[in-house]
Amino acid sequence: MIDKKLIPYGGLKKEPFSGTHHGMRYFFRGDDGKSSTTFTVFIYPEPWCFEDTPEEEKEQKTLPGFSNVLKLRDQSG
C-alpha cells in the first residue's frame, strides 16, 4: 500500500514522483503541469528506472483528481 502522506501532492503538479514498494516501482505525474486536473500513474517491475523499462512491462492509468490516483493501489492487488 502506498501511503498518501508520502506523495507530495503540491510538488506532483510541477514534477513527476517515483518510488518503489516491495518490487513494484511507480511513477506519478500531473498531466497538465501546474494546472493539472488529471494524473497518470504507471506501475512497472524492478530493477529498471522508468525510462529504461520496456513499454510492454508498464501498466498505466489516467485518473481525474489526486484522490482517485490512490484507487490504483486497490486494483493492483
C-alpha atoms as a PDB file:
ATOM      1  CA  MET A   1       0.000   0.000   0.000  1.00  0.00           C
ATOM      2  CA  ILE A   2       1.249   3.465  -0.856  1.00  0.00           C
ATOM      3  CA  ASP A   3       0.690   5.931   1.982  1.00  0.00           C
ATOM      4  CA  LYS A   4      -0.846   9.110   0.547  1.00  0.00           C
ATOM      5  CA  LYS A   5       1.050  11.145   3.164  1.00  0.00           C
ATOM      6  CA  LEU A   6       4.278  10.193   1.375  1.00  0.00           C
ATOM      7  CA  ILE A   7       3.202  11.520  -2.023  1.00  0.00           C
ATOM      8  CA  PRO A   8       3.982  15.242  -2.435  1.00  0.00           C
ATOM      9  CA  TYR A   9       0.703  16.395  -3.989  1.00  0.00           C
ATOM     10  CA  GLY A  10       1.692  20.053  -4.407  1.00  0.00           C
ATOM     11  CA  GLY A  11       5.011  19.125  -5.965  1.00  0.00           C
ATOM     12  CA  LEU A  12       3.450  16.455  -8.159  1.00  0.00           C
ATOM     13  CA  LYS A  13       1.781  19.134 -10.251  1.00  0.00           C
ATOM     14  CA  LYS A  14       5.239  20.517 -11.050  1.00  0.00           C
ATOM     15  CA  GLU A  15       7.486  17.443 -11.163  1.00  0.00           C
ATOM     16  CA  PRO A  16       6.886  13.678 -11.503  1.00  0.00           C
ATOM     17  CA  PHE A  17       7.253  11.478  -8.433  1.00  0.00           C
ATOM     18  CA  SER A  18       8.574   7.924  -8.410  1.00  0.00           C
ATOM     19  CA  GLY A  19       9.407   5.237  -5.896  1.00  0.00           C
ATOM     20  CA  THR A  20       9.292   1.546  -5.137  1.00  0.00           C
ATOM     21  CA  HIS A  21       7.315  -0.728  -2.855  1.00  0.00           C
ATOM     22  CA  HIS A  22       8.133  -4.438  -2.480  1.00  0.00           C
ATOM     23  CA  GLY A  23       9.380  -4.860  -6.048  1.00  0.00           C
ATOM     24  CA  MET A  24       6.728  -2.674  -7.661  1.00  0.00           C
ATOM     25  CA  ARG A  25       8.016   0.606  -8.979  1.00  0.00           C
ATOM     26  CA  TYR A  26       5.627   3.512  -9.523  1.00  0.00           C
ATOM     27  CA  PHE A  27       5.728   6.822 -11.370  1.00  0.00           C
ATOM     28  CA  PHE A  28       3.120   9.584 -10.835  1.00  0.00           C
ATOM     29  CA  ARG A  29       2.788  12.656 -12.999  1.00  0.00           C
ATOM     30  CA  GLY A  30       0.371  15.529 -13.370  1.00  0.00           C
ATOM     31  CA  ASP A  31      -0.786  15.703 -16.981  1.00  0.00           C
ATOM     32  CA  ASP A  32      -1.191  19.468 -17.367  1.00  0.00           C
ATOM     33  CA  GLY A  33       1.667  20.921 -15.373  1.00  0.00           C
ATOM     34  CA  LYS A  34       0.757  23.372 -12.612  1.00  0.00           C
ATOM     35  CA  SER A  35      -2.923  23.438 -13.591  1.00  0.00           C
ATOM     36  CA  SER A  36      -3.183  19.644 -13.639  1.00  0.00           C
ATOM     37  CA  THR A  37      -6.598  18.155 -13.011  1.00  0.00           C
ATOM     38  CA  THR A  38      -5.668  14.655 -14.163  1.00  0.00           C
ATOM     39  CA  PHE A  39      -2.839  12.373 -13.129  1.00  0.00           C
ATOM     40  CA  THR A  40      -1.286   9.366 -14.803  1.00  0.00           C
ATOM     41  CA  VAL A  41       0.126   6.567 -12.700  1.00  0.00           C
ATOM     42  CA  PHE A  42       2.485   3.955 -14.082  1.00  0.00           C
ATOM     43  CA  ILE A  43       3.495   0.757 -12.311  1.00  0.00           C
ATOM     44  CA  TYR A  44       6.301  -1.476 -13.527  1.00  0.00           C
ATOM     45  CA  PRO A  45       8.668  -4.145 -12.167  1.00  0.00           C
ATOM     46  CA  GLU A  46      12.137  -3.571 -10.779  1.00  0.00           C
ATOM     47  CA  PRO A  47      15.061  -3.268 -11.434  1.00  0.00           C
ATOM     48  CA  TRP A  48      14.931  -0.634 -14.202  1.00  0.00           C
ATOM     49  CA  CYS A  49      14.143   3.054 -13.992  1.00  0.00           C
ATOM     50  CA  PHE A  50      11.009   4.338 -15.725  1.00  0.00           C
ATOM     51  CA  GLU A  51      12.853   5.454 -18.850  1.00  0.00           C
ATOM     52  CA  ASP A  52      14.685   2.126 -19.293  1.00  0.00           C
ATOM     53  CA  THR A  53      11.715  -0.176 -18.639  1.00  0.00           C
ATOM     54  CA  PRO A  54      10.227  -1.607 -21.859  1.00  0.00           C
ATOM     55  CA  GLU A  55       6.790  -0.126 -22.614  1.00  0.00           C
ATOM     56  CA  GLU A  56       5.156  -3.584 -22.620  1.00  0.00           C
ATOM     57  CA  GLU A  57       6.141  -4.030 -18.953  1.00  0.00           C
ATOM     58  CA  LYS A  58       4.455  -0.781 -17.825  1.00  0.00           C
ATOM     59  CA  GLU A  59       0.832  -0.502 -16.749  1.00  0.00           C
ATOM     60  CA  GLN A  60      -0.752   2.931 -16.731  1.00  0.00           C
ATOM     61  CA  LYS A  61      -3.967   4.568 -15.722  1.00  0.00           C
ATOM     62  CA  THR A  62      -5.070   8.191 -16.051  1.00  0.00           C
ATOM     63  CA  LEU A  63      -7.402   9.399 -13.337  1.00  0.00           C
ATOM     64  CA  PRO A  64      -9.169  12.683 -12.575  1.00  0.00           C
ATOM     65  CA  GLY A  65      -8.147  14.344  -9.340  1.00  0.00           C
ATOM     66  CA  PHE A  66      -5.494  13.239  -6.893  1.00  0.00           C
ATOM     67  CA  SER A  67      -7.689  11.257  -4.518  1.00  0.00           C
ATOM     68  CA  ASN A  68      -8.607   8.899  -7.354  1.00  0.00           C
ATOM     69  CA  VAL A  69      -4.938   8.151  -8.084  1.00  0.00           C
ATOM     70  CA  LEU A  70      -4.753   6.230  -4.824  1.00  0.00           C
ATOM     71  CA  LYS A  71      -7.507   3.868  -6.002  1.00  0.00           C
ATOM     72  CA  LEU A  72      -4.987   2.277  -8.348  1.00  0.00           C
ATOM     73  CA  ARG A  73      -3.328   0.557  -5.386  1.00  0.00           C
ATOM     74  CA  ASP A  74      -6.577  -1.282  -4.646  1.00  0.00           C
ATOM     75  CA  GLN A  75      -6.880  -2.515  -8.233  1.00  0.00           C
ATOM     76  CA  SER A  76      -3.306  -3.809  -8.425  1.00  0.00           C
ATOM     77  CA  GLY A  77      -3.943  -6.212  -5.537  1.00  0.00           C
END
